């Protein structure tokens, strides 16, 4: 696995919960998205802690389903996503932004993802499907063309 990075270099975003295209918070980032496609993040578990959150897994075959978002104004998109996820470096936060390897039809790519942080209360159970869209379909209001 690639090491986790905490910088601001331009990368696509891997979203697995309410920021996915068609989900309840996607409209908050849609203006920056120029392309999106389904992707997976192996080696992580997805939990529902009131909001979806992920963390590194020790389970063999663990995988999280989501989407890769490519943006046209990376700095503005990064700031918007950080605000939506309440990510503030150096503060006891619910989410931590890190770069991880994800896989899509286009191949392997490094992408920003928001991992569950210090204030995330992880329950003992996880969403076995690894897919928030399957677990909470009522939060999707439309499909967004790729």
C-alpha atoms as a PDB file:
ATOM      1  CA  UNK A   1       0.000   0.000   0.000  1.00  0.00           C
ATOM      2  CA  UNK A   2       1.175   3.526  -0.775  1.00  0.00           C
ATOM      3  CA  UNK A   3       2.010   5.616   2.290  1.00  0.00           C
ATOM      4  CA  UNK A   4      -0.626   8.086   3.454  1.00  0.00           C
ATOM      5  CA  UNK A   5       0.205  11.668   2.482  1.00  0.00           C
ATOM      6  CA  UNK A   6      -1.162  14.864   3.996  1.00  0.00           C
ATOM      7  CA  UNK A   7      -0.382  17.631   1.511  1.00  0.00           C
ATOM      8  CA  UNK A   8      -2.349  19.670  -1.008  1.00  0.00           C
ATOM      9  CA  UNK A   9      -1.081  18.355  -4.337  1.00  0.00           C
ATOM     10  CA  UNK A  10      -3.748  18.134  -7.067  1.00  0.00           C
ATOM     11  CA  UNK A  11      -5.334  14.688  -6.899  1.00  0.00           C
ATOM     12  CA  UNK A  12      -8.819  13.423  -7.661  1.00  0.00           C
ATOM     13  CA  UNK A  13     -11.099  12.804  -4.681  1.00  0.00           C
ATOM     14  CA  UNK A  14     -12.335   9.342  -3.686  1.00  0.00           C
ATOM     15  CA  UNK A  15     -15.783   9.806  -2.160  1.00  0.00           C
ATOM     16  CA  UNK A  16     -17.690   6.936  -0.564  1.00  0.00           C
ATOM     17  CA  UNK A  17     -20.650   8.527   1.228  1.00  0.00           C
ATOM     18  CA  UNK A  18     -22.777  11.644   0.974  1.00  0.00           C
ATOM     19  CA  UNK A  19     -20.367  13.379  -1.471  1.00  0.00           C
ATOM     20  CA  UNK A  20     -20.898  10.698  -4.141  1.00  0.00           C
ATOM     21  CA  UNK A  21     -22.622  11.869  -7.346  1.00  0.00           C
ATOM     22  CA  UNK A  22     -26.373  11.896  -6.753  1.00  0.00           C
ATOM     23  CA  UNK A  23     -26.052  11.754  -2.958  1.00  0.00           C
ATOM     24  CA  UNK A  24     -27.285  14.354  -0.504  1.00  0.00           C
ATOM     25  CA  UNK A  25     -24.105  16.510  -0.294  1.00  0.00           C
ATOM     26  CA  UNK A  26     -22.848  16.134  -3.891  1.00  0.00           C
ATOM     27  CA  UNK A  27     -24.360  19.496  -4.873  1.00  0.00           C
ATOM     28  CA  UNK A  28     -21.807  21.121  -2.565  1.00  0.00           C
ATOM     29  CA  UNK A  29     -18.935  20.026  -4.841  1.00  0.00           C
ATOM     30  CA  UNK A  30     -20.673  19.529  -8.213  1.00  0.00           C
ATOM     31  CA  UNK A  31     -19.555  22.906  -9.590  1.00  0.00           C
ATOM     32  CA  UNK A  32     -15.922  21.717  -9.474  1.00  0.00           C
ATOM     33  CA  UNK A  33     -16.403  18.205 -10.927  1.00  0.00           C
ATOM     34  CA  UNK A  34     -15.396  17.733 -14.562  1.00  0.00           C
ATOM     35  CA  UNK A  35     -15.476  13.923 -14.558  1.00  0.00           C
ATOM     36  CA  UNK A  36     -16.372  11.112 -12.193  1.00  0.00           C
ATOM     37  CA  UNK A  37     -16.306   7.335 -12.324  1.00  0.00           C
ATOM     38  CA  UNK A  38     -16.943   4.393  -9.992  1.00  0.00           C
ATOM     39  CA  UNK A  39     -13.888   3.267  -8.022  1.00  0.00           C
ATOM     40  CA  UNK A  40     -12.902   1.026  -5.117  1.00  0.00           C
ATOM     41  CA  UNK A  41     -10.565   1.405  -2.169  1.00  0.00           C
ATOM     42  CA  UNK A  42      -9.169  -1.948  -0.991  1.00  0.00           C
ATOM     43  CA  UNK A  43      -7.938  -2.515   2.539  1.00  0.00           C
ATOM     44  CA  UNK A  44     -10.510  -0.322   4.295  1.00  0.00           C
ATOM     45  CA  UNK A  45     -13.788  -0.901   6.173  1.00  0.00           C
ATOM     46  CA  UNK A  46     -16.856   1.332   5.931  1.00  0.00           C
ATOM     47  CA  UNK A  47     -18.821   2.175   9.063  1.00  0.00           C
ATOM     48  CA  UNK A  48     -22.015   4.106   9.610  1.00  0.00           C
ATOM     49  CA  UNK A  49     -21.427   6.326  12.631  1.00  0.00           C
ATOM     50  CA  UNK A  50     -24.295   8.713  11.952  1.00  0.00           C
ATOM     51  CA  UNK A  51     -22.250   9.645   8.896  1.00  0.00           C
ATOM     52  CA  UNK A  52     -20.238   7.228   6.796  1.00  0.00           C
ATOM     53  CA  UNK A  53     -16.601   6.848   7.856  1.00  0.00           C
ATOM     54  CA  UNK A  54     -13.780   4.509   6.844  1.00  0.00           C
ATOM     55  CA  UNK A  55     -10.642   3.196   8.484  1.00  0.00           C
ATOM     56  CA  UNK A  56      -7.850   0.795   7.614  1.00  0.00           C
ATOM     57  CA  UNK A  57      -9.020  -2.805   7.929  1.00  0.00           C
ATOM     58  CA  UNK A  58      -7.352  -5.944   9.180  1.00  0.00           C
ATOM     59  CA  UNK A  59      -9.939  -8.077   7.332  1.00  0.00           C
ATOM     60  CA  UNK A  60      -8.821  -9.940   4.233  1.00  0.00           C
ATOM     61  CA  UNK A  61     -10.754  -8.741   1.178  1.00  0.00           C
ATOM     62  CA  UNK A  62     -11.993  -5.511   2.789  1.00  0.00           C
ATOM     63  CA  UNK A  63     -13.080  -2.981   0.161  1.00  0.00           C
ATOM     64  CA  UNK A  64     -14.977   0.306   0.029  1.00  0.00           C
ATOM     65  CA  UNK A  65     -17.014   1.298  -3.033  1.00  0.00           C
ATOM     66  CA  UNK A  66     -17.231   4.913  -4.122  1.00  0.00           C
ATOM     67  CA  UNK A  67     -16.466   7.332  -6.924  1.00  0.00           C
ATOM     68  CA  UNK A  68     -13.418   9.238  -8.140  1.00  0.00           C
ATOM     69  CA  UNK A  69     -14.074  12.936  -8.731  1.00  0.00           C
ATOM     70  CA  UNK A  70     -11.750  14.951 -10.975  1.00  0.00           C
ATOM     71  CA  UNK A  71     -12.026  18.694 -10.451  1.00  0.00           C
ATOM     72  CA  UNK A  72     -11.263  21.811 -12.505  1.00  0.00           C
ATOM     73  CA  UNK A  73     -10.175  24.062  -9.615  1.00  0.00           C
ATOM     74  CA  UNK A  74      -8.343  21.779  -7.237  1.00  0.00           C
ATOM     75  CA  UNK A  75      -7.566  24.356  -4.548  1.00  0.00           C
ATOM     76  CA  UNK A  76     -11.182  25.560  -4.353  1.00  0.00           C
ATOM     77  CA  UNK A  77     -12.488  21.969  -4.428  1.00  0.00           C
ATOM     78  CA  UNK A  78     -10.062  20.964  -1.672  1.00  0.00           C
ATOM     79  CA  UNK A  79     -11.154  23.892   0.493  1.00  0.00           C
ATOM     80  CA  UNK A  80     -14.843  23.086  -0.093  1.00  0.00           C
ATOM     81  CA  UNK A  81     -14.402  19.381   0.707  1.00  0.00           C
ATOM     82  CA  UNK A  82     -12.347  20.208   3.803  1.00  0.00           C
ATOM     83  CA  UNK A  83     -15.150  22.510   4.979  1.00  0.00           C
ATOM     84  CA  UNK A  84     -17.897  19.970   4.273  1.00  0.00           C
ATOM     85  CA  UNK A  85     -15.952  17.279   6.149  1.00  0.00           C
ATOM     86  CA  UNK A  86     -14.956  19.674   8.963  1.00  0.00           C
ATOM     87  CA  UNK A  87     -11.304  18.884   8.345  1.00  0.00           C
ATOM     88  CA  UNK A  88      -8.934  21.356   9.980  1.00  0.00           C
ATOM     89  CA  UNK A  89      -5.310  20.173  10.241  1.00  0.00           C
ATOM     90  CA  UNK A  90      -3.940  20.126  13.755  1.00  0.00           C
ATOM     91  CA  UNK A  91      -7.380  20.021  15.388  1.00  0.00           C
ATOM     92  CA  UNK A  92      -9.136  17.037  17.000  1.00  0.00           C
ATOM     93  CA  UNK A  93     -11.373  16.283  14.011  1.00  0.00           C
ATOM     94  CA  UNK A  94     -13.963  13.791  12.843  1.00  0.00           C
ATOM     95  CA  UNK A  95     -12.210  13.220   9.484  1.00  0.00           C
ATOM     96  CA  UNK A  96      -8.591  13.212   8.344  1.00  0.00           C
ATOM     97  CA  UNK A  97      -7.671  13.883   4.707  1.00  0.00           C
ATOM     98  CA  UNK A  98      -5.071  11.522   3.249  1.00  0.00           C
ATOM     99  CA  UNK A  99      -3.895  10.292  -0.155  1.00  0.00           C
ATOM    100  CA  UNK A 100      -4.536   6.602  -0.832  1.00  0.00           C
ATOM    101  CA  UNK A 101      -4.420   4.297  -3.875  1.00  0.00           C
ATOM    102  CA  UNK A 102      -7.795   3.609  -5.490  1.00  0.00           C
ATOM    103  CA  UNK A 103      -8.810   1.558  -8.519  1.00  0.00           C
ATOM    104  CA  UNK A 104     -11.235   2.353 -11.324  1.00  0.00           C
ATOM    105  CA  UNK A 105     -11.760   1.426 -14.970  1.00  0.00           C
ATOM    106  CA  UNK A 106      -8.960   3.906 -15.710  1.00  0.00           C
ATOM    107  CA  UNK A 107      -6.533   1.945 -13.516  1.00  0.00           C
ATOM    108  CA  UNK A 108      -4.775   2.769 -10.254  1.00  0.00           C
ATOM    109  CA  UNK A 109      -4.638   6.357  -9.024  1.00  0.00           C
ATOM    110  CA  UNK A 110      -3.691   8.236  -5.891  1.00  0.00           C
ATOM    111  CA  UNK A 111      -6.686  10.150  -4.547  1.00  0.00           C
ATOM    112  CA  UNK A 112      -7.679  12.269  -1.578  1.00  0.00           C
ATOM    113  CA  UNK A 113     -10.021  10.537   0.844  1.00  0.00           C
ATOM    114  CA  UNK A 114     -11.468  11.525   4.202  1.00  0.00           C
ATOM    115  CA  UNK A 115     -10.736   8.831   6.791  1.00  0.00           C
ATOM    116  CA  UNK A 116     -12.449   8.571  10.148  1.00  0.00           C
ATOM    117  CA  UNK A 117     -10.484  10.718  12.579  1.00  0.00           C
ATOM    118  CA  UNK A 118      -9.999  10.937  16.338  1.00  0.00           C
ATOM    119  CA  UNK A 119     -13.573  12.035  17.071  1.00  0.00           C
ATOM    120  CA  UNK A 120     -15.185   9.304  14.954  1.00  0.00           C
ATOM    121  CA  UNK A 121     -16.853   6.809  17.244  1.00  0.00           C
ATOM    122  CA  UNK A 122     -16.425   3.596  15.299  1.00  0.00           C
ATOM    123  CA  UNK A 123     -19.018   0.968  16.226  1.00  0.00           C
ATOM    124  CA  UNK A 124     -17.981  -2.672  16.428  1.00  0.00           C
ATOM    125  CA  UNK A 125     -19.910  -3.552  13.256  1.00  0.00           C
ATOM    126  CA  UNK A 126     -19.225  -2.320   9.753  1.00  0.00           C
ATOM    127  CA  UNK A 127     -21.152  -2.189   6.488  1.00  0.00           C
ATOM    128  CA  UNK A 128     -20.123  -5.521   5.024  1.00  0.00           C
ATOM    129  CA  UNK A 129     -21.045  -4.484   1.474  1.00  0.00           C
ATOM    130  CA  UNK A 130     -18.556  -1.602   1.698  1.00  0.00           C
ATOM    131  CA  UNK A 131     -21.108   0.454  -0.246  1.00  0.00           C
ATOM    132  CA  UNK A 132     -22.928   3.353   1.433  1.00  0.00           C
ATOM    133  CA  UNK A 133     -25.223   3.687  -1.592  1.00  0.00           C
ATOM    134  CA  UNK A 134     -26.560   0.167  -0.969  1.00  0.00           C
ATOM    135  CA  UNK A 135     -26.889   0.779   2.770  1.00  0.00           C
ATOM    136  CA  UNK A 136     -28.678   4.159   2.551  1.00  0.00           C
ATOM    137  CA  UNK A 137     -30.414   4.422  -0.878  1.00  0.00           C
ATOM    138  CA  UNK A 138     -32.864   7.019   0.468  1.00  0.00           C
ATOM    139  CA  UNK A 139     -30.020   9.587   0.467  1.00  0.00           C
ATOM    140  CA  UNK A 140     -29.654   9.432  -3.331  1.00  0.00           C
ATOM    141  CA  UNK A 141     -31.861  11.886  -5.165  1.00  0.00           C
ATOM    142  CA  UNK A 142     -30.670  11.237  -8.718  1.00  0.00           C
ATOM    143  CA  UNK A 143     -28.100   9.502 -10.851  1.00  0.00           C
ATOM    144  CA  UNK A 144     -25.448  11.829 -12.260  1.00  0.00           C
ATOM    145  CA  UNK A 145     -24.141  10.933 -15.736  1.00  0.00           C
ATOM    146  CA  UNK A 146     -20.460   9.994 -15.832  1.00  0.00           C
END
